[in-house]
Amino acid sequence: MGITKTNLFTAEQNELALIAKAFAHPARIAILQYLAKTKSCINGTLVQELGLAQATISQHLRELKEIGLIKGSIEGVSISYCINSEKWELVQGLFNGLFDQLNNSCESNNCC
């Protein structure tokens, strides 16, 4: 596959695509749901909860942290992760805006 020409798209479109890519793996969805449910956790807890290898979970956590969906803090030898509420507000606004735009388009055009 060729190089994506991200410069052809708006910052908002690129941001939505990055977030959607993070949502595209069921393990990341499970991690996000677990973090939302528990309000925080330690990496080892995720291994027990999801049944995935430590290395696999660490990779998914890194992906989520890189785009800012979660944040983590080091406490001794453990790293605690939680949902980044500021980023989640932005994510919710971006997706709501997209869904509203699509809904309004379908309503006015009587989509097929």
PDB file of N, CA and C in Angstrom:
ATOM      1  N   MET A   1       0.850  -1.180   0.000  1.00  0.00           N
ATOM      2  CA  MET A   1       0.000   0.000   0.000  1.00  0.00           C
ATOM      3  C   MET A   1       0.894   1.241   0.000  1.00  0.00           C
ATOM      4  N   GLY A   2       0.486   2.275  -0.700  1.00  0.00           N
ATOM      5  CA  GLY A   2       1.269   3.491  -0.808  1.00  0.00           C
ATOM      6  C   GLY A   2       1.224   4.340   0.444  1.00  0.00           C
ATOM      7  N   ILE A   3       2.008   5.376   0.432  1.00  0.00           N
ATOM      8  CA  ILE A   3       2.059   6.305   1.555  1.00  0.00           C
ATOM      9  C   ILE A   3       0.774   7.120   1.592  1.00  0.00           C
ATOM     10  N   THR A   4       0.208   7.255   2.773  1.00  0.00           N
ATOM     11  CA  THR A   4      -1.007   8.048   2.937  1.00  0.00           C
ATOM     12  C   THR A   4      -0.656   9.516   2.845  1.00  0.00           C
ATOM     13  N   LYS A   5      -1.414  10.249   2.090  1.00  0.00           N
ATOM     14  CA  LYS A   5      -1.173  11.681   1.918  1.00  0.00           C
ATOM     15  C   LYS A   5      -2.017  12.448   2.930  1.00  0.00           C
ATOM     16  N   THR A   6      -1.593  12.396   4.194  1.00  0.00           N
ATOM     17  CA  THR A   6      -2.376  13.013   5.264  1.00  0.00           C
ATOM     18  C   THR A   6      -2.498  14.521   5.094  1.00  0.00           C
ATOM     19  N   ASN A   7      -1.576  15.124   4.362  1.00  0.00           N
ATOM     20  CA  ASN A   7      -1.645  16.575   4.165  1.00  0.00           C
ATOM     21  C   ASN A   7      -2.830  16.997   3.299  1.00  0.00           C
ATOM     22  N   LEU A   8      -3.477  16.035   2.637  1.00  0.00           N
ATOM     23  CA  LEU A   8      -4.653  16.339   1.820  1.00  0.00           C
ATOM     24  C   LEU A   8      -5.919  16.481   2.669  1.00  0.00           C
ATOM     25  N   PHE A   9      -5.821  16.106   3.949  1.00  0.00           N
ATOM     26  CA  PHE A   9      -6.990  16.076   4.807  1.00  0.00           C
ATOM     27  C   PHE A   9      -6.842  17.060   5.954  1.00  0.00           C
ATOM     28  N   THR A  10      -7.966  17.426   6.549  1.00  0.00           N
ATOM     29  CA  THR A  10      -7.927  18.385   7.660  1.00  0.00           C
ATOM     30  C   THR A  10      -7.325  17.727   8.898  1.00  0.00           C
ATOM     31  N   ALA A  11      -6.930  18.570   9.826  1.00  0.00           N
ATOM     32  CA  ALA A  11      -6.402  18.073  11.097  1.00  0.00           C
ATOM     33  C   ALA A  11      -7.451  17.219  11.802  1.00  0.00           C
ATOM     34  N   GLU A  12      -8.714  17.642  11.711  1.00  0.00           N
ATOM     35  CA  GLU A  12      -9.802  16.890  12.345  1.00  0.00           C
ATOM     36  C   GLU A  12      -9.976  15.517  11.701  1.00  0.00           C
ATOM     37  N   GLN A  13      -9.897  15.445  10.384  1.00  0.00           N
ATOM     38  CA  GLN A  13     -10.031  14.166   9.687  1.00  0.00           C
ATOM     39  C   GLN A  13      -8.883  13.222  10.056  1.00  0.00           C
ATOM     40  N   ASN A  14      -7.678  13.766  10.119  1.00  0.00           N
ATOM     41  CA  ASN A  14      -6.527  12.952  10.504  1.00  0.00           C
ATOM     42  C   ASN A  14      -6.642  12.469  11.942  1.00  0.00           C
ATOM     43  N   GLU A  15      -7.114  13.331  12.833  1.00  0.00           N
ATOM     44  CA  GLU A  15      -7.290  12.959  14.243  1.00  0.00           C
ATOM     45  C   GLU A  15      -8.331  11.854  14.385  1.00  0.00           C
ATOM     46  N   LEU A  16      -9.467  12.001  13.705  1.00  0.00           N
ATOM     47  CA  LEU A  16     -10.507  10.967  13.740  1.00  0.00           C
ATOM     48  C   LEU A  16      -9.971   9.633  13.220  1.00  0.00           C
ATOM     49  N   ALA A  17      -9.178   9.671  12.173  1.00  0.00           N
ATOM     50  CA  ALA A  17      -8.625   8.441  11.606  1.00  0.00           C
ATOM     51  C   ALA A  17      -7.681   7.755  12.595  1.00  0.00           C
ATOM     52  N   LEU A  18      -6.846   8.532  13.280  1.00  0.00           N
ATOM     53  CA  LEU A  18      -5.941   7.952  14.278  1.00  0.00           C
ATOM     54  C   LEU A  18      -6.716   7.309  15.427  1.00  0.00           C
ATOM     55  N   ILE A  19      -7.747   7.975  15.867  1.00  0.00           N
ATOM     56  CA  ILE A  19      -8.554   7.453  16.966  1.00  0.00           C
ATOM     57  C   ILE A  19      -9.292   6.193  16.516  1.00  0.00           C
ATOM     58  N   ALA A  20      -9.853   6.234  15.320  1.00  0.00           N
ATOM     59  CA  ALA A  20     -10.558   5.067  14.788  1.00  0.00           C
ATOM     60  C   ALA A  20      -9.608   3.880  14.651  1.00  0.00           C
ATOM     61  N   LYS A  21      -8.378   4.150  14.277  1.00  0.00           N
ATOM     62  CA  LYS A  21      -7.386   3.078  14.166  1.00  0.00           C
ATOM     63  C   LYS A  21      -7.134   2.452  15.532  1.00  0.00           C
ATOM     64  N   ALA A  22      -7.086   3.251  16.574  1.00  0.00           N
ATOM     65  CA  ALA A  22      -6.896   2.724  17.924  1.00  0.00           C
ATOM     66  C   ALA A  22      -8.096   1.881  18.346  1.00  0.00           C
ATOM     67  N   PHE A  23      -9.284   2.277  17.928  1.00  0.00           N
ATOM     68  CA  PHE A  23     -10.502   1.531  18.255  1.00  0.00           C
ATOM     69  C   PHE A  23     -10.629   0.244  17.439  1.00  0.00           C
ATOM     70  N   ALA A  24      -9.786   0.067  16.439  1.00  0.00           N
ATOM     71  CA  ALA A  24      -9.944  -1.038  15.496  1.00  0.00           C
ATOM     72  C   ALA A  24      -9.476  -2.390  16.025  1.00  0.00           C
ATOM     73  N   HIS A  25      -8.973  -2.454  17.234  1.00  0.00           N
ATOM     74  CA  HIS A  25      -8.539  -3.738  17.781  1.00  0.00           C
ATOM     75  C   HIS A  25      -9.363  -4.059  19.024  1.00  0.00           C
ATOM     76  N   PRO A  26      -9.955  -5.249  19.082  1.00  0.00           N
ATOM     77  CA  PRO A  26     -10.818  -5.578  20.224  1.00  0.00           C
ATOM     78  C   PRO A  26     -10.097  -5.562  21.570  1.00  0.00           C
ATOM     79  N   ALA A  27      -8.802  -5.866  21.590  1.00  0.00           N
ATOM     80  CA  ALA A  27      -8.066  -5.817  22.864  1.00  0.00           C
ATOM     81  C   ALA A  27      -7.999  -4.384  23.383  1.00  0.00           C
ATOM     82  N   ARG A  28      -7.847  -3.418  22.494  1.00  0.00           N
ATOM     83  CA  ARG A  28      -7.796  -2.018  22.927  1.00  0.00           C
ATOM     84  C   ARG A  28      -9.158  -1.562  23.437  1.00  0.00           C
ATOM     85  N   ILE A  29     -10.218  -2.021  22.794  1.00  0.00           N
ATOM     86  CA  ILE A  29     -11.569  -1.702  23.282  1.00  0.00           C
ATOM     87  C   ILE A  29     -11.755  -2.296  24.676  1.00  0.00           C
ATOM     88  N   ALA A  30     -11.328  -3.544  24.859  1.00  0.00           N
ATOM     89  CA  ALA A  30     -11.450  -4.194  26.173  1.00  0.00           C
ATOM     90  C   ALA A  30     -10.640  -3.449  27.227  1.00  0.00           C
ATOM     91  N   ILE A  31      -9.459  -2.992  26.871  1.00  0.00           N
ATOM     92  CA  ILE A  31      -8.627  -2.221  27.810  1.00  0.00           C
ATOM     93  C   ILE A  31      -9.333  -0.926  28.184  1.00  0.00           C
ATOM     94  N   LEU A  32      -9.842  -0.223  27.192  1.00  0.00           N
ATOM     95  CA  LEU A  32     -10.539   1.039  27.459  1.00  0.00           C
ATOM     96  C   LEU A  32     -11.770   0.815  28.334  1.00  0.00           C
ATOM     97  N   GLN A  33     -12.523  -0.231  28.041  1.00  0.00           N
ATOM     98  CA  GLN A  33     -13.709  -0.524  28.854  1.00  0.00           C
ATOM     99  C   GLN A  33     -13.330  -0.861  30.288  1.00  0.00           C
ATOM    100  N   TYR A  34     -12.266  -1.626  30.452  1.00  0.00           N
ATOM    101  CA  TYR A  34     -11.819  -1.989  31.799  1.00  0.00           C
ATOM    102  C   TYR A  34     -11.352  -0.757  32.567  1.00  0.00           C
ATOM    103  N   LEU A  35     -10.584   0.104  31.906  1.00  0.00           N
ATOM    104  CA  LEU A  35     -10.110   1.325  32.563  1.00  0.00           C
ATOM    105  C   LEU A  35     -11.278   2.230  32.933  1.00  0.00           C
ATOM    106  N   ALA A  36     -12.268   2.320  32.060  1.00  0.00           N
ATOM    107  CA  ALA A  36     -13.444   3.147  32.344  1.00  0.00           C
ATOM    108  C   ALA A  36     -14.216   2.591  33.537  1.00  0.00           C
ATOM    109  N   LYS A  37     -14.302   1.271  33.622  1.00  0.00           N
ATOM    110  CA  LYS A  37     -15.044   0.620  34.690  1.00  0.00           C
ATOM    111  C   LYS A  37     -14.329   0.763  36.042  1.00  0.00           C
ATOM    112  N   THR A  38     -13.017   0.604  36.029  1.00  0.00           N
ATOM    113  CA  THR A  38     -12.268   0.604  37.289  1.00  0.00           C
ATOM    114  C   THR A  38     -11.723   1.969  37.670  1.00  0.00           C
ATOM    115  N   LYS A  39     -11.762   2.922  36.751  1.00  0.00           N
ATOM    116  CA  LYS A  39     -11.250   4.279  36.940  1.00  0.00           C
ATOM    117  C   LYS A  39      -9.718   4.342  36.935  1.00  0.00           C
ATOM    118  N   SER A  40      -9.037   3.237  37.152  1.00  0.00           N
ATOM    119  CA  SER A  40      -7.581   3.138  37.040  1.00  0.00           C
ATOM    120  C   SER A  40      -7.200   1.673  37.177  1.00  0.00           C
ATOM    121  N   CYS A  41      -5.992   1.348  36.862  1.00  0.00           N
ATOM    122  CA  CYS A  41      -5.553  -0.026  37.071  1.00  0.00           C
ATOM    123  C   CYS A  41      -4.044  -0.094  36.989  1.00  0.00           C
ATOM    124  N   ILE A  42      -3.515  -1.226  37.348  1.00  0.00           N
ATOM    125  CA  ILE A  42      -2.097  -1.505  37.201  1.00  0.00           C
ATOM    126  C   ILE A  42      -1.974  -2.525  36.083  1.00  0.00           C
ATOM    127  N   ASN A  43      -0.944  -2.417  35.301  1.00  0.00           N
ATOM    128  CA  ASN A  43      -0.754  -3.250  34.122  1.00  0.00           C
ATOM    129  C   ASN A  43      -0.984  -4.733  34.406  1.00  0.00           C
ATOM    130  N   GLY A  44      -0.495  -5.252  35.506  1.00  0.00           N
ATOM    131  CA  GLY A  44      -0.646  -6.663  35.848  1.00  0.00           C
ATOM    132  C   GLY A  44      -2.100  -7.070  35.977  1.00  0.00           C
ATOM    133  N   THR A  45      -2.941  -6.181  36.426  1.00  0.00           N
ATOM    134  CA  THR A  45      -4.373  -6.452  36.548  1.00  0.00           C
ATOM    135  C   THR A  45      -4.978  -6.725  35.179  1.00  0.00           C
ATOM    136  N   LEU A  46      -4.527  -6.029  34.186  1.00  0.00           N
ATOM    137  CA  LEU A  46      -5.042  -6.231  32.833  1.00  0.00           C
ATOM    138  C   LEU A  46      -4.702  -7.621  32.304  1.00  0.00           C
ATOM    139  N   VAL A  47      -3.531  -8.123  32.645  1.00  0.00           N
ATOM    140  CA  VAL A  47      -3.137  -9.462  32.213  1.00  0.00           C
ATOM    141  C   VAL A  47      -4.129 -10.487  32.755  1.00  0.00           C
ATOM    142  N   GLN A  48      -4.480 -10.354  34.019  1.00  0.00           N
ATOM    143  CA  GLN A  48      -5.442 -11.281  34.625  1.00  0.00           C
ATOM    144  C   GLN A  48      -6.839 -11.079  34.041  1.00  0.00           C
ATOM    145  N   GLU A  49      -7.227  -9.853  33.847  1.00  0.00           N
ATOM    146  CA  GLU A  49      -8.578  -9.541  33.370  1.00  0.00           C
ATOM    147  C   GLU A  49      -8.801  -9.986  31.923  1.00  0.00           C
ATOM    148  N   LEU A  50      -7.836  -9.734  31.054  1.00  0.00           N
ATOM    149  CA  LEU A  50      -8.029  -9.988  29.622  1.00  0.00           C
ATOM    150  C   LEU A  50      -7.468 -11.325  29.149  1.00  0.00           C
ATOM    151  N   GLY A  51      -6.573 -11.908  29.929  1.00  0.00           N
ATOM    152  CA  GLY A  51      -5.990 -13.183  29.544  1.00  0.00           C
ATOM    153  C   GLY A  51      -4.983 -13.103  28.416  1.00  0.00           C
ATOM    154  N   LEU A  52      -4.479 -11.923  28.160  1.00  0.00           N
ATOM    155  CA  LEU A  52      -3.453 -11.743  27.126  1.00  0.00           C
ATOM    156  C   LEU A  52      -2.075 -11.672  27.781  1.00  0.00           C
ATOM    157  N   ALA A  53      -1.052 -11.909  27.002  1.00  0.00           N
ATOM    158  CA  ALA A  53       0.317 -11.847  27.509  1.00  0.00           C
ATOM    159  C   ALA A  53       0.676 -10.420  27.902  1.00  0.00           C
ATOM    160  N   GLN A  54       1.562 -10.292  28.869  1.00  0.00           N
ATOM    161  CA  GLN A  54       2.025  -8.988  29.343  1.00  0.00           C
ATOM    162  C   GLN A  54       2.565  -8.142  28.189  1.00  0.00           C
ATOM    163  N   ALA A  55       3.356  -8.757  27.330  1.00  0.00           N
ATOM    164  CA  ALA A  55       3.946  -8.012  26.210  1.00  0.00           C
ATOM    165  C   ALA A  55       2.868  -7.496  25.256  1.00  0.00           C
ATOM    166  N   THR A  56       1.841  -8.292  25.029  1.00  0.00           N
ATOM    167  CA  THR A  56       0.747  -7.892  24.144  1.00  0.00           C
ATOM    168  C   THR A  56      -0.008  -6.710  24.739  1.00  0.00           C
ATOM    169  N   ILE A  57      -0.316  -6.801  26.011  1.00  0.00           N
ATOM    170  CA  ILE A  57      -1.029  -5.711  26.678  1.00  0.00           C
ATOM    171  C   ILE A  57      -0.183  -4.452  26.691  1.00  0.00           C
ATOM    172  N   SER A  58       1.096  -4.589  26.950  1.00  0.00           N
ATOM    173  CA  SER A  58       1.985  -3.422  26.949  1.00  0.00           C
ATOM    174  C   SER A  58       1.987  -2.731  25.590  1.00  0.00           C
ATOM    175  N   GLN A  59       1.983  -3.512  24.523  1.00  0.00           N
ATOM    176  CA  GLN A  59       1.947  -2.947  23.166  1.00  0.00           C
ATOM    177  C   GLN A  59       0.661  -2.152  22.949  1.00  0.00           C
ATOM    178  N   HIS A  60      -0.470  -2.721  23.354  1.00  0.00           N
ATOM    179  CA  HIS A  60      -1.751  -2.031  23.186  1.00  0.00           C
ATOM    180  C   HIS A  60      -1.822  -0.779  24.064  1.00  0.00           C
ATOM    181  N   LEU A  61      -1.304  -0.860  25.273  1.00  0.00           N
ATOM    182  CA  LEU A  61      -1.280   0.310  26.153  1.00  0.00           C
ATOM    183  C   LEU A  61      -0.434   1.423  25.536  1.00  0.00           C
ATOM    184  N   ARG A  62       0.684   1.041  24.952  1.00  0.00           N
ATOM    185  CA  ARG A  62       1.558   2.037  24.314  1.00  0.00           C
ATOM    186  C   ARG A  62       0.829   2.740  23.178  1.00  0.00           C
ATOM    187  N   GLU A  63       0.105   1.972  22.355  1.00  0.00           N
ATOM    188  CA  GLU A  63      -0.659   2.553  21.246  1.00  0.00           C
ATOM    189  C   GLU A  63      -1.708   3.545  21.765  1.00  0.00           C
ATOM    190  N   LEU A  64      -2.427   3.158  22.799  1.00  0.00           N
ATOM    191  CA  LEU A  64      -3.467   4.023  23.364  1.00  0.00           C
ATOM    192  C   LEU A  64      -2.871   5.268  24.005  1.00  0.00           C
ATOM    193  N   LYS A  65      -1.721   5.096  24.636  1.00  0.00           N
ATOM    194  CA  LYS A  65      -1.077   6.231  25.291  1.00  0.00           C
ATOM    195  C   LYS A  65      -0.479   7.203  24.269  1.00  0.00           C
ATOM    196  N   GLU A  66       0.057   6.674  23.176  1.00  0.00           N
ATOM    197  CA  GLU A  66       0.664   7.525  22.146  1.00  0.00           C
ATOM    198  C   GLU A  66      -0.319   8.525  21.568  1.00  0.00           C
ATOM    199  N   ILE A  67      -1.577   8.137  21.422  1.00  0.00           N
ATOM    200  CA  ILE A  67      -2.555   9.076  20.864  1.00  0.00           C
ATOM    201  C   ILE A  67      -3.319   9.815  21.957  1.00  0.00           C
ATOM    202  N   GLY A  68      -2.966   9.551  23.206  1.00  0.00           N
ATOM    203  CA  GLY A  68      -3.509  10.335  24.308  1.00  0.00           C
ATOM    204  C   GLY A  68      -4.823   9.854  24.887  1.00  0.00           C
ATOM    205  N   LEU A  69      -5.313   8.681  24.477  1.00  0.00           N
ATOM    206  CA  LEU A  69      -6.577   8.193  25.016  1.00  0.00           C
ATOM    207  C   LEU A  69      -6.454   7.778  26.485  1.00  0.00           C
ATOM    208  N   ILE A  70      -5.258   7.337  26.864  1.00  0.00           N
ATOM    209  CA  ILE A  70      -5.008   6.996  28.261  1.00  0.00           C
ATOM    210  C   ILE A  70      -3.747   7.716  28.715  1.00  0.00           C
ATOM    211  N   LYS A  71      -3.584   7.775  30.018  1.00  0.00           N
ATOM    212  CA  LYS A  71      -2.347   8.318  30.570  1.00  0.00           C
ATOM    213  C   LYS A  71      -1.904   7.388  31.678  1.00  0.00           C
ATOM    214  N   GLY A  72      -0.628   7.432  31.982  1.00  0.00           N
ATOM    215  CA  GLY A  72      -0.082   6.534  32.987  1.00  0.00           C
ATOM    216  C   GLY A  72       0.889   7.240  33.900  1.00  0.00           C
ATOM    217  N   SER A  73       1.031   6.680  35.088  1.00  0.00           N
ATOM    218  CA  SER A  73       1.996   7.213  36.042  1.00  0.00           C
ATOM    219  C   SER A  73       2.773   6.055  36.652  1.00  0.00           C
ATOM    220  N   ILE A  74       4.053   6.296  36.866  1.00  0.00           N
ATOM    221  CA  ILE A  74       4.927   5.266  37.419  1.00  0.00           C
ATOM    222  C   ILE A  74       4.905   5.363  38.934  1.00  0.00           C
ATOM    223  N   GLU A  75       4.625   4.232  39.565  1.00  0.00           N
ATOM    224  CA  GLU A  75       4.610   4.146  41.025  1.00  0.00           C
ATOM    225  C   GLU A  75       5.485   2.964  41.419  1.00  0.00           C
ATOM    226  N   GLY A  76       6.747   3.228  41.718  1.00  0.00           N
ATOM    227  CA  GLY A  76       7.683   2.146  42.017  1.00  0.00           C
ATOM    228  C   GLY A  76       7.958   1.354  40.757  1.00  0.00           C
ATOM    229  N   VAL A  77       7.676   0.051  40.806  1.00  0.00           N
ATOM    230  CA  VAL A  77       7.903  -0.796  39.635  1.00  0.00           C
ATOM    231  C   VAL A  77       6.628  -0.977  38.815  1.00  0.00           C
ATOM    232  N   SER A  78       5.533  -0.392  39.252  1.00  0.00           N
ATOM    233  CA  SER A  78       4.255  -0.526  38.553  1.00  0.00           C
ATOM    234  C   SER A  78       3.902   0.756  37.811  1.00  0.00           C
ATOM    235  N   ILE A  79       3.156   0.594  36.753  1.00  0.00           N
ATOM    236  CA  ILE A  79       2.632   1.736  36.022  1.00  0.00           C
ATOM    237  C   ILE A  79       1.113   1.662  36.096  1.00  0.00           C
ATOM    238  N   SER A  80       0.516   2.726  36.569  1.00  0.00           N
ATOM    239  CA  SER A  80      -0.941   2.795  36.645  1.00  0.00           C
ATOM    240  C   SER A  80      -1.463   3.587  35.458  1.00  0.00           C
ATOM    241  N   TYR A  81      -2.492   3.071  34.828  1.00  0.00           N
ATOM    242  CA  TYR A  81      -3.091   3.734  33.679  1.00  0.00           C
ATOM    243  C   TYR A  81      -4.513   4.142  33.998  1.00  0.00           C
ATOM    244  N   CYS A  82      -4.957   5.214  33.356  1.00  0.00           N
ATOM    245  CA  CYS A  82      -6.354   5.639  33.477  1.00  0.00           C
ATOM    246  C   CYS A  82      -6.751   6.356  32.193  1.00  0.00           C
ATOM    247  N   ILE A  83      -8.047   6.534  32.025  1.00  0.00           N
ATOM    248  CA  ILE A  83      -8.581   7.260  30.879  1.00  0.00           C
ATOM    249  C   ILE A  83      -8.159   8.722  30.987  1.00  0.00           C
ATOM    250  N   ASN A  84      -7.732   9.303  29.889  1.00  0.00           N
ATOM    251  CA  ASN A  84      -7.389  10.718  29.841  1.00  0.00           C
ATOM    252  C   ASN A  84      -8.685  11.481  29.545  1.00  0.00           C
ATOM    253  N   SER A  85      -9.318  11.989  30.587  1.00  0.00           N
ATOM    254  CA  SER A  85     -10.653  12.588  30.441  1.00  0.00           C
ATOM    255  C   SER A  85     -10.662  13.793  29.505  1.00  0.00           C
ATOM    256  N   GLU A  86      -9.603  14.574  29.475  1.00  0.00           N
ATOM    257  CA  GLU A  86      -9.560  15.726  28.570  1.00  0.00           C
ATOM    258  C   GLU A  86      -9.571  15.274  27.108  1.00  0.00           C
ATOM    259  N   LYS A  87      -8.798  14.250  26.811  1.00  0.00           N
ATOM    260  CA  LYS A  87      -8.762  13.725  25.440  1.00  0.00           C
ATOM    261  C   LYS A  87     -10.109  13.088  25.080  1.00  0.00           C
ATOM    262  N   TRP A  88     -10.743  12.412  26.059  1.00  0.00           N
ATOM    263  CA  TRP A  88     -12.028  11.774  25.796  1.00  0.00           C
ATOM    264  C   TRP A  88     -13.100  12.788  25.457  1.00  0.00           C
ATOM    265  N   GLU A  89     -13.060  13.946  26.075  1.00  0.00           N
ATOM    266  CA  GLU A  89     -14.017  15.001  25.727  1.00  0.00           C
ATOM    267  C   GLU A  89     -13.817  15.437  24.284  1.00  0.00           C
ATOM    268  N   LEU A  90     -12.558  15.576  23.877  1.00  0.00           N
ATOM    269  CA  LEU A  90     -12.245  15.935  22.500  1.00  0.00           C
ATOM    270  C   LEU A  90     -12.711  14.841  21.540  1.00  0.00           C
ATOM    271  N   VAL A  91     -12.427  13.590  21.873  1.00  0.00           N
ATOM    272  CA  VAL A  91     -12.829  12.459  21.038  1.00  0.00           C
ATOM    273  C   VAL A  91     -14.349  12.416  20.883  1.00  0.00           C
ATOM    274  N   GLN A  92     -15.045  12.579  21.982  1.00  0.00           N
ATOM    275  CA  GLN A  92     -16.506  12.565  21.940  1.00  0.00           C
ATOM    276  C   GLN A  92     -17.030  13.682  21.045  1.00  0.00           C
ATOM    277  N   GLY A  93     -16.452  14.864  21.173  1.00  0.00           N
ATOM    278  CA  GLY A  93     -16.872  15.987  20.335  1.00  0.00           C
ATOM    279  C   GLY A  93     -16.603  15.746  18.859  1.00  0.00           C
ATOM    280  N   LEU A  94     -15.435  15.174  18.541  1.00  0.00           N
ATOM    281  CA  LEU A  94     -15.102  14.886  17.143  1.00  0.00           C
ATOM    282  C   LEU A  94     -16.069  13.872  16.533  1.00  0.00           C
ATOM    283  N   PHE A  95     -16.313  12.782  17.250  1.00  0.00           N
ATOM    284  CA  PHE A  95     -17.214  11.755  16.714  1.00  0.00           C
ATOM    285  C   PHE A  95     -18.657  12.229  16.690  1.00  0.00           C
ATOM    286  N   ASN A  96     -19.084  12.958  17.709  1.00  0.00           N
ATOM    287  CA  ASN A  96     -20.451  13.505  17.693  1.00  0.00           C
ATOM    288  C   ASN A  96     -20.636  14.439  16.501  1.00  0.00           C
ATOM    289  N   GLY A  97     -19.637  15.258  16.228  1.00  0.00           N
ATOM    290  CA  GLY A  97     -19.708  16.162  15.080  1.00  0.00           C
ATOM    291  C   GLY A  97     -19.814  15.400  13.775  1.00  0.00           C
ATOM    292  N   LEU A  98     -19.030  14.344  13.642  1.00  0.00           N
ATOM    293  CA  LEU A  98     -19.088  13.517  12.435  1.00  0.00           C
ATOM    294  C   LEU A  98     -20.446  12.845  12.301  1.00  0.00           C
ATOM    295  N   PHE A  99     -20.927  12.237  13.389  1.00  0.00           N
ATOM    296  CA  PHE A  99     -22.215  11.548  13.341  1.00  0.00           C
ATOM    297  C   PHE A  99     -23.360  12.520  13.083  1.00  0.00           C
ATOM    298  N   ASP A 100     -23.306  13.689  13.692  1.00  0.00           N
ATOM    299  CA  ASP A 100     -24.342  14.694  13.447  1.00  0.00           C
ATOM    300  C   ASP A 100     -24.354  15.118  11.983  1.00  0.00           C
ATOM    301  N   GLN A 101     -23.158  15.322  11.437  1.00  0.00           N
ATOM    302  CA  GLN A 101     -23.052  15.715  10.032  1.00  0.00           C
ATOM    303  C   GLN A 101     -23.629  14.635   9.123  1.00  0.00           C
ATOM    304  N   LEU A 102     -23.312  13.386   9.403  1.00  0.00           N
ATOM    305  CA  LEU A 102     -23.823  12.283   8.582  1.00  0.00           C
ATOM    306  C   LEU A 102     -25.327  12.115   8.748  1.00  0.00           C
ATOM    307  N   ASN A 103     -25.818  12.237   9.977  1.00  0.00           N
ATOM    308  CA  ASN A 103     -27.262  12.126  10.213  1.00  0.00           C
ATOM    309  C   ASN A 103     -28.023  13.235   9.505  1.00  0.00           C
ATOM    310  N   ASN A 104     -27.511  14.460   9.597  1.00  0.00           N
ATOM    311  CA  ASN A 104     -28.175  15.590   8.939  1.00  0.00           C
ATOM    312  C   ASN A 104     -28.174  15.426   7.427  1.00  0.00           C
ATOM    313  N   SER A 105     -27.108  14.874   6.881  1.00  0.00           N
ATOM    314  CA  SER A 105     -27.013  14.669   5.452  1.00  0.00           C
ATOM    315  C   SER A 105     -28.044  13.642   4.992  1.00  0.00           C
ATOM    316  N   CYS A 106     -28.175  12.579   5.737  1.00  0.00           N
ATOM    317  CA  CYS A 106     -29.132  11.516   5.367  1.00  0.00           C
ATOM    318  C   CYS A 106     -30.566  11.994   5.511  1.00  0.00           C
ATOM    319  N   GLU A 107     -30.841  12.746   6.562  1.00  0.00           N
ATOM    320  CA  GLU A 107     -32.203  13.232   6.779  1.00  0.00           C
ATOM    321  C   GLU A 107     -32.627  14.171   5.656  1.00  0.00           C
ATOM    322  N   SER A 108     -31.729  15.031   5.234  1.00  0.00           N
ATOM    323  CA  SER A 108     -32.116  16.021   4.206  1.00  0.00           C
ATOM    324  C   SER A 108     -32.120  15.422   2.803  1.00  0.00           C
ATOM    325  N   ASN A 109     -31.380  14.344   2.571  1.00  0.00           N
ATOM    326  CA  ASN A 109     -31.292  13.754   1.235  1.00  0.00           C
ATOM    327  C   ASN A 109     -32.084  12.466   1.087  1.00  0.00           C
ATOM    328  N   ASN A 110     -32.806  12.083   2.114  1.00  0.00           N
ATOM    329  CA  ASN A 110     -33.519  10.797   2.074  1.00  0.00           C
ATOM    330  C   ASN A 110     -32.606   9.693   1.538  1.00  0.00           C
ATOM    331  N   CYS A 111     -31.558   9.436   2.275  1.00  0.00           N
ATOM    332  CA  CYS A 111     -30.557   8.460   1.837  1.00  0.00           C
ATOM    333  C   CYS A 111     -31.171   7.133   1.427  1.00  0.00           C
ATOM    334  N   CYS A 112     -30.553   6.508   0.450  1.00  0.00           N
ATOM    335  CA  CYS A 112     -31.077   5.246  -0.075  1.00  0.00           C
ATOM    336  C   CYS A 112     -30.737   4.076   0.808  1.00  0.00           C
TER     337      CYS A 112
END
